């Protein structure tokens, strides 16, 4: 299922900033899990970070970044 949205550039930039903060949190969590030898959490947090990065990239492409 695809969802279509109409966003202003400012709204898109707000989403990108929010995704960036979320991405940083997941990357930090993955790093901590790696330090604790918790492979399952590393996998979970890394996958989440990759998905967030992909969405962020799509939004940045719409703005020409």
N, C-alpha and C. Protein backbone atom coordinates (compact mmCIF):
# COMPACT_ATOMS: atom_id res chain seq x y z
N UNK A 1 0.84 -1.17 0.00
CA UNK A 1 0.00 0.00 0.00
C UNK A 1 0.89 1.24 0.00
N UNK A 2 0.58 2.17 -0.84
CA UNK A 2 1.31 3.43 -0.91
C UNK A 2 0.45 4.54 -0.33
N UNK A 3 1.08 5.43 0.38
CA UNK A 3 0.40 6.60 0.94
C UNK A 3 0.97 7.83 0.26
N UNK A 4 0.11 8.68 -0.23
CA UNK A 4 0.55 9.90 -0.88
C UNK A 4 0.29 11.08 0.04
N UNK A 5 1.29 11.92 0.19
CA UNK A 5 1.20 13.11 1.02
C UNK A 5 1.61 14.33 0.23
N UNK A 6 1.05 15.43 0.57
CA UNK A 6 1.49 16.70 0.02
C UNK A 6 2.10 17.49 1.18
N UNK A 7 3.39 17.79 1.05
CA UNK A 7 4.11 18.49 2.10
C UNK A 7 4.80 19.72 1.53
N UNK A 8 4.92 20.75 2.35
CA UNK A 8 5.72 21.90 1.96
C UNK A 8 7.20 21.53 2.15
N UNK A 9 8.06 22.36 1.61
CA UNK A 9 9.50 22.12 1.81
C UNK A 9 9.84 22.19 3.29
N UNK A 10 9.25 23.14 4.00
CA UNK A 10 9.51 23.26 5.44
C UNK A 10 9.08 22.01 6.18
N UNK A 11 7.92 21.48 5.86
CA UNK A 11 7.43 20.27 6.51
C UNK A 11 8.35 19.08 6.21
N UNK A 12 8.83 19.01 4.99
CA UNK A 12 9.74 17.94 4.61
C UNK A 12 11.05 18.06 5.38
N UNK A 13 11.55 19.28 5.53
CA UNK A 13 12.78 19.50 6.29
C UNK A 13 12.60 19.13 7.76
N UNK A 14 11.43 19.42 8.31
CA UNK A 14 11.13 19.03 9.69
C UNK A 14 11.18 17.52 9.84
N UNK A 15 10.58 16.81 8.89
CA UNK A 15 10.61 15.35 8.92
C UNK A 15 12.04 14.82 8.81
N UNK A 16 12.82 15.41 7.94
CA UNK A 16 14.22 15.00 7.77
C UNK A 16 14.98 15.20 9.08
N UNK A 17 14.79 16.33 9.73
CA UNK A 17 15.46 16.60 11.00
C UNK A 17 15.04 15.59 12.07
N UNK A 18 13.75 15.27 12.12
CA UNK A 18 13.26 14.30 13.10
C UNK A 18 13.83 12.92 12.82
N UNK A 19 13.89 12.54 11.56
CA UNK A 19 14.46 11.25 11.20
C UNK A 19 15.94 11.19 11.53
N UNK A 20 16.64 12.29 11.36
CA UNK A 20 18.07 12.35 11.68
C UNK A 20 18.27 12.10 13.17
N UNK A 21 17.46 12.73 14.01
CA UNK A 21 17.57 12.53 15.45
C UNK A 21 17.25 11.08 15.81
N UNK A 22 16.22 10.53 15.21
CA UNK A 22 15.84 9.14 15.46
C UNK A 22 16.95 8.20 15.00
N UNK A 23 17.51 8.48 13.84
CA UNK A 23 18.60 7.67 13.30
C UNK A 23 19.79 7.65 14.26
N UNK A 24 20.15 8.80 14.78
CA UNK A 24 21.27 8.88 15.71
C UNK A 24 21.01 8.03 16.95
N UNK A 25 19.77 8.04 17.44
CA UNK A 25 19.41 7.24 18.60
C UNK A 25 19.56 5.76 18.33
N UNK A 26 19.10 5.31 17.18
CA UNK A 26 19.22 3.89 16.84
C UNK A 26 20.67 3.48 16.62
N UNK A 27 21.47 4.35 16.01
CA UNK A 27 22.88 4.04 15.81
C UNK A 27 23.60 3.94 17.16
N UNK A 28 23.27 4.83 18.08
CA UNK A 28 23.87 4.78 19.41
C UNK A 28 23.44 3.52 20.15
N UNK A 29 22.18 3.16 20.02
CA UNK A 29 21.69 1.94 20.66
C UNK A 29 22.37 0.70 20.09
N UNK A 30 22.59 0.68 18.79
CA UNK A 30 23.29 -0.43 18.16
C UNK A 30 24.72 -0.52 18.67
N UNK A 31 25.35 0.64 18.83
CA UNK A 31 26.72 0.67 19.33
C UNK A 31 26.79 0.12 20.76
N UNK A 32 25.84 0.53 21.59
CA UNK A 32 25.80 0.04 22.97
C UNK A 32 25.53 -1.47 23.01
N UNK A 33 24.61 -1.92 22.18
CA UNK A 33 24.30 -3.34 22.13
C UNK A 33 25.51 -4.14 21.67
N UNK A 34 26.26 -3.58 20.73
CA UNK A 34 27.48 -4.24 20.25
C UNK A 34 28.48 -4.37 21.39
N UNK A 35 28.58 -3.32 22.18
CA UNK A 35 29.50 -3.33 23.33
C UNK A 35 29.08 -4.33 24.39
N UNK A 36 27.77 -4.61 24.46
CA UNK A 36 27.25 -5.57 25.44
C UNK A 36 27.14 -6.98 24.86
N UNK A 37 27.64 -7.15 23.65
CA UNK A 37 27.58 -8.45 22.96
C UNK A 37 26.16 -8.96 22.78
N UNK A 38 25.23 -8.07 22.56
CA UNK A 38 23.83 -8.45 22.37
C UNK A 38 23.54 -8.41 20.87
N UNK A 39 23.81 -9.50 20.20
CA UNK A 39 23.71 -9.55 18.74
C UNK A 39 22.31 -9.30 18.22
N UNK A 40 21.31 -9.79 18.95
CA UNK A 40 19.92 -9.62 18.50
C UNK A 40 19.54 -8.14 18.49
N UNK A 41 19.91 -7.42 19.54
CA UNK A 41 19.62 -5.98 19.59
C UNK A 41 20.42 -5.22 18.53
N UNK A 42 21.66 -5.62 18.31
CA UNK A 42 22.47 -4.98 17.26
C UNK A 42 21.74 -5.11 15.94
N UNK A 43 21.26 -6.29 15.64
CA UNK A 43 20.54 -6.53 14.39
C UNK A 43 19.28 -5.67 14.30
N UNK A 44 18.50 -5.66 15.37
CA UNK A 44 17.25 -4.90 15.39
C UNK A 44 17.50 -3.40 15.20
N UNK A 45 18.43 -2.86 15.98
CA UNK A 45 18.71 -1.42 15.90
C UNK A 45 19.35 -1.04 14.57
N UNK A 46 20.19 -1.90 14.04
CA UNK A 46 20.82 -1.63 12.74
C UNK A 46 19.79 -1.63 11.62
N UNK A 47 18.88 -2.59 11.65
CA UNK A 47 17.81 -2.64 10.63
C UNK A 47 16.94 -1.40 10.71
N UNK A 48 16.60 -0.98 11.92
CA UNK A 48 15.78 0.23 12.08
C UNK A 48 16.52 1.45 11.53
N UNK A 49 17.80 1.55 11.84
CA UNK A 49 18.60 2.68 11.34
C UNK A 49 18.66 2.68 9.82
N UNK A 50 18.80 1.52 9.22
CA UNK A 50 18.85 1.42 7.75
C UNK A 50 17.53 1.86 7.13
N UNK A 51 16.42 1.46 7.74
CA UNK A 51 15.11 1.84 7.21
C UNK A 51 14.88 3.34 7.34
N UNK A 52 15.30 3.91 8.47
CA UNK A 52 15.17 5.35 8.67
C UNK A 52 16.03 6.09 7.66
N UNK A 53 17.25 5.61 7.44
CA UNK A 53 18.16 6.24 6.47
C UNK A 53 17.54 6.22 5.07
N UNK A 54 16.89 5.13 4.71
CA UNK A 54 16.27 5.02 3.39
C UNK A 54 15.14 6.05 3.23
N UNK A 55 14.31 6.17 4.23
CA UNK A 55 13.20 7.13 4.17
C UNK A 55 13.76 8.55 4.12
N UNK A 56 14.75 8.82 4.96
CA UNK A 56 15.38 10.14 4.98
C UNK A 56 15.97 10.47 3.61
N UNK A 57 16.60 9.48 2.99
CA UNK A 57 17.17 9.68 1.65
C UNK A 57 16.12 10.02 0.62
N UNK A 58 14.98 9.38 0.70
CA UNK A 58 13.89 9.68 -0.24
C UNK A 58 13.42 11.12 -0.08
N UNK A 59 13.28 11.55 1.16
CA UNK A 59 12.83 12.92 1.40
C UNK A 59 13.87 13.93 0.95
N UNK A 60 15.13 13.64 1.21
CA UNK A 60 16.21 14.54 0.79
C UNK A 60 16.25 14.64 -0.73
N UNK A 61 16.01 13.53 -1.41
CA UNK A 61 16.00 13.55 -2.88
C UNK A 61 14.88 14.44 -3.41
N UNK A 62 13.76 14.45 -2.71
CA UNK A 62 12.65 15.31 -3.14
C UNK A 62 13.02 16.79 -3.04
N UNK A 63 13.87 17.11 -2.08
CA UNK A 63 14.32 18.50 -1.92
C UNK A 63 15.56 18.82 -2.75
N UNK A 64 16.12 17.80 -3.39
CA UNK A 64 17.31 18.00 -4.20
C UNK A 64 18.58 18.07 -3.37
N UNK A 65 18.57 17.46 -2.19
CA UNK A 65 19.77 17.46 -1.31
C UNK A 65 20.65 16.30 -1.64
